[in-house]
Protein backbone atom coordinates (compact mmCIF):
# COMPACT_ATOMS: atom_id res chain seq x y z
CA UNK A 1 36.20 143.37 66.18
CA UNK A 2 37.80 146.56 65.05
CA UNK A 3 41.60 146.73 65.13
CA UNK A 4 41.57 149.78 67.41
CA UNK A 5 39.19 148.10 69.88
CA UNK A 6 41.35 144.95 69.95
CA UNK A 7 44.46 147.05 70.56
CA UNK A 8 42.74 148.93 73.42
CA UNK A 9 41.63 145.65 75.02
CA UNK A 10 45.16 144.25 74.77
CA UNK A 11 46.64 147.46 76.22
CA UNK A 12 44.15 147.38 79.08
CA UNK A 13 44.98 143.75 79.78
CA UNK A 14 48.72 144.43 79.96
CA UNK A 15 48.04 147.51 82.12
CA UNK A 16 46.02 145.44 84.59
CA UNK A 17 48.69 142.72 84.67
CA UNK A 18 51.45 145.25 85.31
CA UNK A 19 49.42 146.96 88.05
CA UNK A 20 48.75 143.59 89.69
CA UNK A 21 52.47 142.78 89.63
CA UNK A 22 53.26 146.18 91.15
CA UNK A 23 50.68 145.65 93.88
CA UNK A 24 52.14 142.20 94.64
CA UNK A 25 55.67 143.63 94.89
CA UNK A 26 54.45 146.40 97.20
CA UNK A 27 52.61 143.86 99.37
CA UNK A 28 55.75 141.72 99.70
CA UNK A 29 57.82 144.80 100.57
CA UNK A 30 55.28 145.92 103.17
CA UNK A 31 55.16 142.45 104.68
CA UNK A 32 58.94 142.28 104.93
CA UNK A 33 58.99 145.74 106.51
CA UNK A 34 56.46 144.60 109.10
CA UNK A 35 58.25 141.32 109.81
CA UNK A 36 61.75 142.85 110.06
CA UNK A 37 61.36 144.41 113.58
CA UNK A 38 60.77 140.92 115.00
CA UNK A 39 64.40 140.06 114.31
CA UNK A 40 65.53 143.37 115.87
CA UNK A 41 63.50 142.60 118.99
CA UNK A 42 65.20 139.22 119.36
CA UNK A 43 68.69 140.70 119.29
CA UNK A 44 70.37 141.98 122.45
CA UNK A 45 70.38 145.77 123.00
CA UNK A 46 73.66 147.55 122.42
CA UNK A 47 75.83 148.09 125.51
CA UNK A 48 77.04 151.68 125.80
């Protein structure tokens, strides 16, 4: 294979890996944002 083609394949691979990691981090953050109101619902309302 040509050196330029090999470099492009390696760059594409690292780009896909980094995008997958970013998507995983966003999914974990969205899941924690969805699960957080459950704890707020269990707590007693503030007395004013």
